[in-house]
Amino acid sequence: MNTTPMAPIDYTRDQQTGWAIFAGIMLALNGFFAVMYGLAAILNDEVVTVGGRGVAILDFTTWGWATLVLGAVMALTGIGLLLGNGAARWLGVVFAFLHALAQFALAPAFPLWSILVVALDVVIVYQLIVNWRPDF
């Protein structure tokens, strides 16, 4: 039986860590969901209301456009993370933070969804800040 220890993994500059790939996929997926929600708010205002309650800050069409744009930029940033772009790391942190804040406006209408999305945004921010290789 061979008991030689395994050598540590030596990442080259072209390789991305598993956590960065995870954060990139989750950011792109979260952006896709935001785009779908934004389209629903733009195309049919009744879809985004529950019991007559909805977003109290803006009218639904304006909120839909804001969510659509933020979601598209989040998805593109997630793709940038998968490609290993260092600037996409900080953009991902900013956009995930803004998306988590935006979910508080949706909390009266969709409390469970808002909590889940905020939790996903927190995980994305955590992974991008803590588990990023500094040389990348």
N, C-alpha and C. Protein backbone atom coordinates (compact mmCIF):
# COMPACT_ATOMS: atom_id res chain seq x y z
N MET A 1 0.84 -1.18 0.00
CA MET A 1 0.00 0.00 0.00
C MET A 1 0.88 1.24 0.00
N ASN A 2 0.62 2.12 -0.91
CA ASN A 2 1.40 3.33 -1.06
C ASN A 2 0.81 4.42 -0.17
N THR A 3 1.60 4.99 0.72
CA THR A 3 1.11 6.01 1.66
C THR A 3 1.77 7.36 1.44
N THR A 4 2.19 7.64 0.23
CA THR A 4 2.80 8.94 -0.01
C THR A 4 1.73 10.03 0.00
N PRO A 5 2.02 11.15 0.63
CA PRO A 5 1.01 12.22 0.68
C PRO A 5 0.84 12.86 -0.69
N MET A 6 -0.37 13.38 -0.89
CA MET A 6 -0.66 14.06 -2.15
C MET A 6 -0.06 15.46 -2.12
N ALA A 7 0.43 15.89 -3.25
CA ALA A 7 0.98 17.24 -3.36
C ALA A 7 -0.16 18.25 -3.37
N PRO A 8 0.03 19.43 -2.80
CA PRO A 8 -1.04 20.44 -2.85
C PRO A 8 -1.31 20.85 -4.29
N ILE A 9 -2.52 21.26 -4.51
CA ILE A 9 -2.92 21.70 -5.85
C ILE A 9 -2.25 23.02 -6.15
N ASP A 10 -1.61 23.09 -7.30
CA ASP A 10 -0.94 24.31 -7.72
C ASP A 10 -1.74 24.91 -8.88
N TYR A 11 -2.51 25.94 -8.58
CA TYR A 11 -3.31 26.58 -9.60
C TYR A 11 -2.42 27.48 -10.45
N THR A 12 -2.61 27.38 -11.74
CA THR A 12 -1.93 28.33 -12.62
C THR A 12 -2.83 29.54 -12.79
N ARG A 13 -2.32 30.53 -13.45
CA ARG A 13 -3.08 31.76 -13.62
C ARG A 13 -4.36 31.55 -14.42
N ASP A 14 -4.39 30.56 -15.27
CA ASP A 14 -5.55 30.32 -16.12
C ASP A 14 -6.63 29.49 -15.45
N GLN A 15 -6.37 28.97 -14.27
CA GLN A 15 -7.35 28.14 -13.58
C GLN A 15 -8.10 28.96 -12.54
N GLN A 16 -9.35 28.67 -12.40
CA GLN A 16 -10.21 29.35 -11.44
C GLN A 16 -10.51 28.38 -10.29
N THR A 17 -10.65 28.89 -9.08
CA THR A 17 -10.98 28.04 -7.94
C THR A 17 -12.44 27.63 -8.00
N GLY A 18 -12.76 26.57 -7.28
CA GLY A 18 -14.14 26.09 -7.25
C GLY A 18 -15.10 27.09 -6.66
N TRP A 19 -14.66 27.84 -5.66
CA TRP A 19 -15.55 28.83 -5.03
C TRP A 19 -15.86 29.99 -5.97
N ALA A 20 -14.87 30.40 -6.76
CA ALA A 20 -15.11 31.48 -7.72
C ALA A 20 -16.07 31.01 -8.81
N ILE A 21 -15.94 29.75 -9.23
CA ILE A 21 -16.87 29.20 -10.21
C ILE A 21 -18.27 29.12 -9.62
N PHE A 22 -18.37 28.69 -8.37
CA PHE A 22 -19.66 28.63 -7.69
C PHE A 22 -20.30 30.02 -7.63
N ALA A 23 -19.52 31.02 -7.22
CA ALA A 23 -20.06 32.38 -7.11
C ALA A 23 -20.47 32.91 -8.48
N GLY A 24 -19.70 32.60 -9.52
CA GLY A 24 -20.05 33.04 -10.86
C GLY A 24 -21.35 32.42 -11.36
N ILE A 25 -21.52 31.13 -11.12
CA ILE A 25 -22.75 30.46 -11.54
C ILE A 25 -23.94 30.99 -10.75
N MET A 26 -23.79 31.16 -9.45
CA MET A 26 -24.90 31.66 -8.63
C MET A 26 -25.25 33.10 -8.99
N LEU A 27 -24.25 33.92 -9.28
CA LEU A 27 -24.52 35.30 -9.67
C LEU A 27 -25.25 35.35 -11.01
N ALA A 28 -24.81 34.54 -11.96
CA ALA A 28 -25.49 34.49 -13.26
C ALA A 28 -26.92 33.97 -13.11
N LEU A 29 -27.11 32.95 -12.28
CA LEU A 29 -28.45 32.40 -12.06
C LEU A 29 -29.35 33.41 -11.37
N ASN A 30 -28.82 34.08 -10.37
CA ASN A 30 -29.58 35.11 -9.66
C ASN A 30 -29.93 36.27 -10.60
N GLY A 31 -29.00 36.62 -11.48
CA GLY A 31 -29.28 37.65 -12.47
C GLY A 31 -30.36 37.22 -13.45
N PHE A 32 -30.34 35.96 -13.85
CA PHE A 32 -31.37 35.44 -14.75
C PHE A 32 -32.75 35.51 -14.10
N PHE A 33 -32.84 35.13 -12.82
CA PHE A 33 -34.11 35.22 -12.11
C PHE A 33 -34.60 36.67 -12.02
N ALA A 34 -33.67 37.61 -11.80
CA ALA A 34 -34.04 39.01 -11.73
C ALA A 34 -34.54 39.51 -13.08
N VAL A 35 -33.93 39.05 -14.16
CA VAL A 35 -34.38 39.43 -15.50
C VAL A 35 -35.81 38.92 -15.72
N MET A 36 -36.07 37.68 -15.33
CA MET A 36 -37.42 37.12 -15.51
C MET A 36 -38.45 37.89 -14.68
N TYR A 37 -38.08 38.26 -13.46
CA TYR A 37 -38.99 39.04 -12.62
C TYR A 37 -39.23 40.42 -13.23
N GLY A 38 -38.16 41.04 -13.73
CA GLY A 38 -38.30 42.34 -14.36
C GLY A 38 -39.20 42.29 -15.58
N LEU A 39 -39.04 41.25 -16.40
CA LEU A 39 -39.91 41.10 -17.56
C LEU A 39 -41.37 40.92 -17.15
N ALA A 40 -41.59 40.14 -16.09
CA ALA A 40 -42.95 39.94 -15.61
C ALA A 40 -43.56 41.26 -15.14
N ALA A 41 -42.78 42.08 -14.46
CA ALA A 41 -43.28 43.37 -13.98
C ALA A 41 -43.54 44.33 -15.12
N ILE A 42 -42.74 44.27 -16.17
CA ILE A 42 -42.93 45.16 -17.32
C ILE A 42 -44.14 44.74 -18.15
N LEU A 43 -44.25 43.44 -18.42
CA LEU A 43 -45.29 42.95 -19.32
C LEU A 43 -46.67 42.88 -18.68
N ASN A 44 -46.73 42.58 -17.38
CA ASN A 44 -48.02 42.43 -16.72
C ASN A 44 -47.86 42.82 -15.25
N ASP A 45 -48.33 43.99 -14.89
CA ASP A 45 -48.18 44.47 -13.52
C ASP A 45 -48.88 43.58 -12.50
N GLU A 46 -49.92 42.89 -12.91
CA GLU A 46 -50.68 42.06 -11.97
C GLU A 46 -49.89 40.85 -11.49
N VAL A 47 -48.87 40.45 -12.23
CA VAL A 47 -48.08 39.28 -11.86
C VAL A 47 -47.27 39.52 -10.60
N VAL A 48 -46.84 40.74 -10.39
CA VAL A 48 -45.94 41.03 -9.28
C VAL A 48 -46.65 41.57 -8.05
N THR A 49 -47.95 41.45 -7.98
CA THR A 49 -48.68 41.88 -6.79
C THR A 49 -49.31 40.68 -6.12
N VAL A 50 -49.37 40.73 -4.83
CA VAL A 50 -50.02 39.68 -4.05
C VAL A 50 -51.01 40.36 -3.13
N GLY A 51 -52.28 40.13 -3.34
CA GLY A 51 -53.30 40.74 -2.50
C GLY A 51 -53.31 42.25 -2.60
N GLY A 52 -52.96 42.79 -3.76
CA GLY A 52 -52.94 44.24 -3.92
C GLY A 52 -51.69 44.90 -3.39
N ARG A 53 -50.80 44.11 -2.77
CA ARG A 53 -49.55 44.67 -2.25
C ARG A 53 -48.42 44.37 -3.20
N GLY A 54 -47.50 45.25 -3.28
CA GLY A 54 -46.35 45.04 -4.14
C GLY A 54 -45.24 45.98 -3.72
N VAL A 55 -44.50 46.43 -4.69
CA VAL A 55 -43.40 47.32 -4.42
C VAL A 55 -43.95 48.70 -4.10
N ALA A 56 -43.61 49.22 -2.95
CA ALA A 56 -44.17 50.50 -2.50
C ALA A 56 -43.35 51.69 -2.95
N ILE A 57 -42.14 51.45 -3.43
CA ILE A 57 -41.24 52.56 -3.76
C ILE A 57 -41.57 53.19 -5.11
N LEU A 58 -41.73 52.39 -6.12
CA LEU A 58 -41.95 52.87 -7.48
C LEU A 58 -43.17 52.18 -8.07
N ASP A 59 -43.63 52.67 -9.22
CA ASP A 59 -44.68 51.92 -9.89
C ASP A 59 -44.07 50.64 -10.47
N PHE A 60 -44.89 49.69 -10.80
CA PHE A 60 -44.41 48.36 -11.15
C PHE A 60 -43.58 48.33 -12.43
N THR A 61 -43.93 49.14 -13.40
CA THR A 61 -43.19 49.15 -14.65
C THR A 61 -41.78 49.69 -14.44
N THR A 62 -41.65 50.76 -13.68
CA THR A 62 -40.32 51.31 -13.39
C THR A 62 -39.49 50.33 -12.58
N TRP A 63 -40.13 49.70 -11.60
CA TRP A 63 -39.43 48.68 -10.80
C TRP A 63 -38.99 47.52 -11.69
N GLY A 64 -39.84 47.14 -12.63
CA GLY A 64 -39.50 46.06 -13.55
C GLY A 64 -38.29 46.39 -14.40
N TRP A 65 -38.22 47.62 -14.92
CA TRP A 65 -37.07 48.01 -15.72
C TRP A 65 -35.79 48.03 -14.88
N ALA A 66 -35.88 48.54 -13.67
CA ALA A 66 -34.70 48.57 -12.79
C ALA A 66 -34.23 47.15 -12.47
N THR A 67 -35.16 46.26 -12.20
CA THR A 67 -34.81 44.88 -11.89
C THR A 67 -34.25 44.17 -13.12
N LEU A 68 -34.81 44.45 -14.28
CA LEU A 68 -34.34 43.85 -15.52
C LEU A 68 -32.90 44.25 -15.82
N VAL A 69 -32.60 45.53 -15.69
CA VAL A 69 -31.25 46.02 -15.96
C VAL A 69 -30.26 45.46 -14.94
N LEU A 70 -30.61 45.51 -13.66
CA LEU A 70 -29.73 44.96 -12.63
C LEU A 70 -29.49 43.48 -12.85
N GLY A 71 -30.53 42.74 -13.19
CA GLY A 71 -30.39 41.31 -13.43
C GLY A 71 -29.51 40.99 -14.62
N ALA A 72 -29.65 41.77 -15.69
CA ALA A 72 -28.81 41.55 -16.88
C ALA A 72 -27.34 41.81 -16.57
N VAL A 73 -27.08 42.89 -15.83
CA VAL A 73 -25.70 43.21 -15.48
C VAL A 73 -25.14 42.15 -14.52
N MET A 74 -25.97 41.65 -13.61
CA MET A 74 -25.53 40.59 -12.71
C MET A 74 -25.18 39.32 -13.48
N ALA A 75 -26.00 38.96 -14.46
CA ALA A 75 -25.73 37.77 -15.25
C ALA A 75 -24.43 37.92 -16.04
N LEU A 76 -24.22 39.08 -16.63
CA LEU A 76 -22.98 39.32 -17.37
C LEU A 76 -21.76 39.32 -16.45
N THR A 77 -21.93 39.84 -15.25
CA THR A 77 -20.84 39.81 -14.27
C THR A 77 -20.53 38.38 -13.85
N GLY A 78 -21.57 37.55 -13.70
CA GLY A 78 -21.36 36.14 -13.39
C GLY A 78 -20.57 35.43 -14.47
N ILE A 79 -20.87 35.76 -15.73
CA ILE A 79 -20.11 35.18 -16.84
C ILE A 79 -18.66 35.67 -16.79
N GLY A 80 -18.47 36.94 -16.44
CA GLY A 80 -17.12 37.47 -16.28
C GLY A 80 -16.35 36.75 -15.18
N LEU A 81 -17.03 36.40 -14.11
CA LEU A 81 -16.39 35.63 -13.03
C LEU A 81 -15.96 34.26 -13.53
N LEU A 82 -16.80 33.62 -14.33
CA LEU A 82 -16.46 32.31 -14.86
C LEU A 82 -15.26 32.39 -15.81
N LEU A 83 -15.10 33.53 -16.45
CA LEU A 83 -13.95 33.73 -17.34
C LEU A 83 -12.70 34.16 -16.58
N GLY A 84 -12.84 34.43 -15.27
CA GLY A 84 -11.68 34.77 -14.46
C GLY A 84 -11.32 36.24 -14.44
N ASN A 85 -12.24 37.11 -14.78
CA ASN A 85 -11.98 38.54 -14.80
C ASN A 85 -11.93 39.06 -13.36
N GLY A 86 -10.82 39.69 -12.99
CA GLY A 86 -10.66 40.22 -11.64
C GLY A 86 -11.61 41.37 -11.34
N ALA A 87 -11.90 42.20 -12.35
CA ALA A 87 -12.84 43.31 -12.14
C ALA A 87 -14.25 42.79 -11.89
N ALA A 88 -14.58 41.65 -12.47
CA ALA A 88 -15.91 41.06 -12.27
C ALA A 88 -16.11 40.65 -10.81
N ARG A 89 -15.02 40.39 -10.12
CA ARG A 89 -15.13 40.05 -8.70
C ARG A 89 -15.75 41.20 -7.93
N TRP A 90 -15.19 42.39 -8.09
CA TRP A 90 -15.70 43.53 -7.33
C TRP A 90 -17.05 43.99 -7.84
N LEU A 91 -17.28 43.90 -9.13
CA LEU A 91 -18.60 44.21 -9.66
C LEU A 91 -19.64 43.23 -9.11
N GLY A 92 -19.25 41.97 -8.99
CA GLY A 92 -20.15 40.96 -8.42
C GLY A 92 -20.51 41.28 -6.98
N VAL A 93 -19.54 41.73 -6.21
CA VAL A 93 -19.81 42.12 -4.83
C VAL A 93 -20.79 43.29 -4.79
N VAL A 94 -20.56 44.29 -5.62
CA VAL A 94 -21.42 45.48 -5.64
C VAL A 94 -22.84 45.12 -6.08
N PHE A 95 -22.96 44.36 -7.18
CA PHE A 95 -24.28 44.04 -7.71
C PHE A 95 -25.05 43.08 -6.79
N ALA A 96 -24.37 42.13 -6.17
CA ALA A 96 -25.06 41.24 -5.24
C ALA A 96 -25.53 42.02 -4.01
N PHE A 97 -24.73 42.98 -3.56
CA PHE A 97 -25.13 43.83 -2.44
C PHE A 97 -26.35 44.67 -2.80
N LEU A 98 -26.32 45.30 -3.98
CA LEU A 98 -27.46 46.11 -4.42
C LEU A 98 -28.71 45.26 -4.61
N HIS A 99 -28.54 44.07 -5.14
CA HIS A 99 -29.68 43.17 -5.34
C HIS A 99 -30.28 42.75 -4.00
N ALA A 100 -29.44 42.51 -3.01
CA ALA A 100 -29.95 42.15 -1.68
C ALA A 100 -30.74 43.32 -1.08
N LEU A 101 -30.25 44.54 -1.26
CA LEU A 101 -30.99 45.70 -0.76
C LEU A 101 -32.32 45.87 -1.49
N ALA A 102 -32.33 45.61 -2.78
CA ALA A 102 -33.56 45.76 -3.56
C ALA A 102 -34.63 44.77 -3.13
N GLN A 103 -34.22 43.65 -2.56
CA GLN A 103 -35.20 42.64 -2.15
C GLN A 103 -36.04 43.10 -0.97
N PHE A 104 -35.56 44.08 -0.22
CA PHE A 104 -36.36 44.57 0.90
C PHE A 104 -37.63 45.27 0.43
N ALA A 105 -37.60 45.82 -0.77
CA ALA A 105 -38.82 46.44 -1.30
C ALA A 105 -39.84 45.38 -1.69
N LEU A 106 -39.38 44.17 -1.99
CA LEU A 106 -40.29 43.09 -2.37
C LEU A 106 -40.79 42.29 -1.18
N ALA A 107 -40.23 42.49 -0.03
CA ALA A 107 -40.56 41.68 1.15
C ALA A 107 -42.04 41.70 1.52
N PRO A 108 -42.76 42.82 1.41
CA PRO A 108 -44.19 42.76 1.75
C PRO A 108 -45.00 41.86 0.82
N ALA A 109 -44.61 41.80 -0.44
CA ALA A 109 -45.36 41.00 -1.40
C ALA A 109 -44.89 39.55 -1.43
N PHE A 110 -43.58 39.33 -1.37
CA PHE A 110 -43.00 37.99 -1.48
C PHE A 110 -41.97 37.77 -0.37
N PRO A 111 -42.40 37.55 0.86
CA PRO A 111 -41.42 37.48 1.96
C PRO A 111 -40.47 36.29 1.86
N LEU A 112 -40.96 35.12 1.54
CA LEU A 112 -40.08 33.95 1.47
C LEU A 112 -39.08 34.09 0.33
N TRP A 113 -39.55 34.53 -0.83
CA TRP A 113 -38.65 34.72 -1.96
C TRP A 113 -37.58 35.76 -1.63
N SER A 114 -37.96 36.84 -0.99
CA SER A 114 -37.00 37.89 -0.64
C SER A 114 -35.93 37.37 0.31
N ILE A 115 -36.34 36.60 1.29
CA ILE A 115 -35.37 36.05 2.24
C ILE A 115 -34.41 35.10 1.55
N LEU A 116 -34.91 34.26 0.66
CA LEU A 116 -34.05 33.31 -0.05
C LEU A 116 -33.06 34.03 -0.96
N VAL A 117 -33.52 35.06 -1.65
CA VAL A 117 -32.63 35.78 -2.55
C VAL A 117 -31.58 36.56 -1.77
N VAL A 118 -31.96 37.16 -0.65
CA VAL A 118 -30.97 37.86 0.18
C VAL A 118 -29.93 36.87 0.69
N ALA A 119 -30.36 35.68 1.10
CA ALA A 119 -29.42 34.66 1.56
C ALA A 119 -28.46 34.26 0.43
N LEU A 120 -28.98 34.09 -0.77
CA LEU A 120 -28.12 33.74 -1.91
C LEU A 120 -27.14 34.87 -2.21
N ASP A 121 -27.59 36.11 -2.14
CA ASP A 121 -26.69 37.24 -2.37
C ASP A 121 -25.60 37.31 -1.30
N VAL A 122 -25.93 37.01 -0.07
CA VAL A 122 -24.93 37.01 1.00
C VAL A 122 -23.88 35.92 0.75
N VAL A 123 -24.31 34.75 0.32
CA VAL A 123 -23.37 33.67 0.01
C VAL A 123 -22.45 34.08 -1.14
N ILE A 124 -23.00 34.72 -2.15
CA ILE A 124 -22.19 35.18 -3.29
C ILE A 124 -21.15 36.19 -2.83
N VAL A 125 -21.56 37.17 -2.04
CA VAL A 125 -20.62 38.18 -1.55
C VAL A 125 -19.54 37.52 -0.69
N TYR A 126 -19.94 36.60 0.17
CA TYR A 126 -18.97 35.90 1.02
C TYR A 126 -17.94 35.16 0.18
N GLN A 127 -18.40 34.41 -0.81
CA GLN A 127 -17.47 33.64 -1.62
C GLN A 127 -16.54 34.54 -2.42
N LEU A 128 -17.04 35.65 -2.89
CA LEU A 128 -16.19 36.54 -3.68
C LEU A 128 -15.16 37.28 -2.84
N ILE A 129 -15.46 37.52 -1.58
CA ILE A 129 -14.52 38.25 -0.74
C ILE A 129 -13.53 37.31 -0.06
N VAL A 130 -14.01 36.19 0.46
CA VAL A 130 -13.15 35.32 1.25
C VAL A 130 -12.35 34.33 0.40
N ASN A 131 -12.96 33.77 -0.60
CA ASN A 131 -12.33 32.67 -1.34
C ASN A 131 -11.87 33.07 -2.73
N TRP A 132 -11.13 34.13 -2.80
CA TRP A 132 -10.62 34.58 -4.10
C TRP A 132 -9.11 34.57 -4.05
N ARG A 133 -8.51 34.02 -5.07
CA ARG A 133 -7.04 34.01 -5.13
C ARG A 133 -6.54 35.41 -5.47
N PRO A 134 -5.63 35.96 -4.68
CA PRO A 134 -5.21 37.34 -4.89
C PRO A 134 -4.42 37.55 -6.18
N ASP A 135 -3.83 36.50 -6.74
CA ASP A 135 -3.03 36.68 -7.95
C ASP A 135 -3.87 36.64 -9.21
N PHE A 136 -5.16 36.44 -9.08
CA PHE A 136 -5.99 36.30 -10.27
C PHE A 136 -6.55 37.62 -10.69
